[in-house]
Protein backbone atom coordinates (compact mmCIF):
# COMPACT_ATOMS: atom_id res chain seq x y z
CA MET A 1 15.69 -5.66 6.07
CA THR A 2 13.47 -5.92 9.08
CA GLU A 3 10.04 -4.04 9.31
CA LEU A 4 11.74 -1.48 11.77
CA GLU A 5 14.60 -0.85 9.48
CA ILE A 6 12.15 -0.22 6.58
CA PHE A 7 9.93 1.94 8.67
CA GLU A 8 12.96 4.04 9.80
CA ARG A 9 13.97 4.59 6.42
CA LEU A 10 10.34 5.12 5.04
CA ARG A 11 9.45 7.95 7.79
CA PRO A 12 11.65 10.67 6.16
CA LEU A 13 10.01 9.88 2.74
CA VAL A 14 6.41 10.15 4.37
CA LYS A 15 7.57 13.57 6.00
CA GLU A 16 8.76 14.75 2.52
CA VAL A 17 5.34 14.39 1.15
CA THR A 18 3.15 15.18 4.06
CA GLY A 19 5.21 17.56 6.24
CA VAL A 20 4.40 15.74 9.17
CA PRO A 21 7.44 15.52 11.64
CA VAL A 22 9.16 12.08 11.54
CA GLU A 23 8.57 11.40 15.23
CA ARG A 24 4.80 11.85 14.64
CA ILE A 25 4.67 9.15 11.93
CA HIS A 26 3.70 5.80 13.07
CA MET A 27 3.01 2.40 11.57
CA GLU A 28 -0.83 2.42 12.02
CA HIS A 29 -1.33 6.01 10.64
CA VAL A 30 -3.61 6.24 7.51
CA LEU A 31 -1.66 8.36 5.07
CA MET A 32 -4.48 10.45 3.97
CA GLU A 33 -6.73 10.57 7.23
CA ASN A 34 -4.09 10.88 9.78
CA LEU A 35 -1.23 12.47 7.98
CA GLY A 36 -3.17 14.57 5.58
CA ALA A 37 -1.68 13.02 2.44
CA GLU A 38 -3.61 13.66 -0.85
CA SER A 39 -3.71 11.28 -3.94
CA LEU A 40 -0.80 12.95 -5.70
CA ASP A 41 1.23 12.62 -2.43
CA LEU A 42 0.69 8.87 -2.55
CA LEU A 43 2.05 8.94 -6.20
CA ASP A 44 5.07 11.03 -5.04
CA LEU A 45 5.70 8.61 -2.10
CA SER A 46 5.69 5.72 -4.41
CA PHE A 47 8.33 7.41 -6.63
CA LEU A 48 10.50 8.11 -3.65
CA ILE A 49 10.26 4.73 -2.30
CA GLU A 50 11.24 3.39 -5.63
CA GLU A 51 14.36 5.69 -5.75
CA ARG A 52 15.23 4.93 -2.02
CA PHE A 53 14.71 1.05 -1.92
CA GLY A 54 15.39 0.16 -5.59
CA ILE A 55 12.03 -1.36 -6.20
CA THR A 56 9.22 -0.85 -8.46
CA ILE A 57 5.70 0.01 -7.37
CA GLY A 58 2.85 -0.48 -9.86
CA SER A 59 0.27 2.32 -10.04
CA HIS A 60 -2.40 -0.19 -9.23
CA GLU A 61 -0.31 -2.73 -7.02
CA PHE A 62 -2.92 -3.86 -4.54
CA GLU A 63 -5.76 -3.92 -7.20
CA ASP A 64 -3.44 -6.07 -9.37
CA GLN A 65 -2.82 -8.51 -6.57
CA ALA A 66 -6.51 -8.93 -5.79
CA LYS A 67 -7.45 -9.21 -9.38
CA ALA A 68 -4.95 -11.95 -10.01
CA ARG A 69 -6.77 -14.08 -7.38
CA LEU A 70 -10.03 -13.43 -9.09
CA PRO A 71 -9.60 -15.22 -12.35
CA GLY A 72 -12.93 -14.92 -14.09
CA GLY A 73 -14.30 -12.94 -11.15
CA VAL A 74 -15.67 -9.49 -11.13
CA TYR A 75 -13.45 -6.84 -9.21
CA GLU A 76 -15.86 -3.90 -9.35
CA LYS A 77 -19.42 -3.24 -10.52
CA GLU A 78 -20.43 0.35 -11.22
CA GLY A 79 -17.36 1.72 -9.31
CA PHE A 80 -18.16 -0.42 -6.18
CA LEU A 81 -15.88 -3.18 -5.17
CA THR A 82 -17.55 -6.69 -5.35
CA PRO A 83 -17.82 -8.78 -2.25
CA GLU A 84 -15.28 -11.15 -3.83
CA ALA A 85 -12.72 -8.17 -4.32
CA LEU A 86 -13.12 -7.18 -0.79
CA VAL A 87 -12.17 -10.78 0.22
CA GLU A 88 -9.00 -10.58 -1.87
CA LEU A 89 -8.21 -6.95 -0.93
CA ARG A 90 -8.28 -8.26 2.93
CA ARG A 91 -5.74 -10.86 1.90
CA ALA A 92 -3.61 -8.29 -0.03
CA LEU A 93 -3.90 -5.61 2.55
CA PRO A 94 -3.81 -7.41 6.02
CA GLU A 95 -2.66 -4.14 7.41
CA ILE A 96 -6.13 -2.39 6.84
CA PRO A 97 -8.85 -3.33 9.34
CA PRO A 98 -11.33 -5.60 7.81
CA ALA A 99 -14.00 -3.24 9.03
CA ARG A 100 -12.85 -0.74 6.64
CA LEU A 101 -12.97 -3.12 3.59
CA VAL A 102 -16.71 -3.36 3.53
CA PRO A 103 -19.66 -3.73 1.01
CA GLY A 104 -20.32 -0.23 -0.54
CA LEU A 105 -16.56 0.63 -0.66
CA ARG A 106 -15.91 2.42 -3.90
CA LYS A 107 -12.72 1.41 -5.94
CA LEU A 108 -11.78 5.24 -5.75
CA GLU A 109 -11.80 5.25 -2.05
CA LEU A 110 -9.06 2.49 -1.57
CA PRO A 111 -6.06 4.70 -1.55
CA SER A 112 -7.73 6.58 1.39
CA LEU A 113 -7.40 3.53 3.44
CA LEU A 114 -3.54 2.86 3.00
CA THR A 115 -1.56 2.98 6.00
CA VAL A 116 2.29 3.51 6.69
CA SER A 117 2.38 -0.21 7.55
CA VAL A 118 0.88 -1.06 4.13
CA PHE A 119 3.94 0.58 2.49
CA VAL A 120 6.35 -1.03 5.08
CA HIS A 121 5.18 -4.41 4.22
CA LEU A 122 5.13 -3.82 0.34
CA ILE A 123 8.44 -2.66 0.48
CA GLN A 124 9.51 -5.87 2.56
CA ARG A 125 7.86 -8.13 -0.11
CA LYS A 126 9.38 -6.29 -3.11
CA LEU A 127 12.97 -6.48 -1.40
CA ALA A 128 12.40 -10.10 -0.79
CA GLU A 129 11.20 -10.88 -4.39
CA LYS A 130 14.29 -8.78 -5.61
CA THR A 131 16.60 -11.00 -3.38
CA ARG A 132 14.94 -14.18 -4.66
CA MET A 133 15.46 -13.24 -8.27
CA VAL A 134 18.96 -12.46 -7.79
CA THR A 135 19.65 -15.64 -5.84
CA ASP A 136 17.79 -17.61 -8.50
CA ALA A 137 19.83 -16.16 -11.40
């Protein structure tokens, strides 16, 4: 699936959890900041995505990706993301402007930075992984 195809299929799901009309949902929108989503809405969106696209999204998907690249490294200290974690999160979440992933960012603040495009690209990666698994089997 192309990025645009995924985006078009994702927009109604975002509307369902935020109430924002589909035509007002754009790739660069931050779900919480621009579309009024709350933490629980992000969880609901993940479940809807899983049902709609037939993929699985872990509850700490992005953190797990970053932690996997930090063998022996420290991800957080006293609730704040370490400089090493921020570097890995910038790699795992290229859709988030680097200026938002800065020292002093709390682990609990990470969901507030997620954009629609983060989910589009996550879905795209998960679908590609699924296809590879089927092809390799």
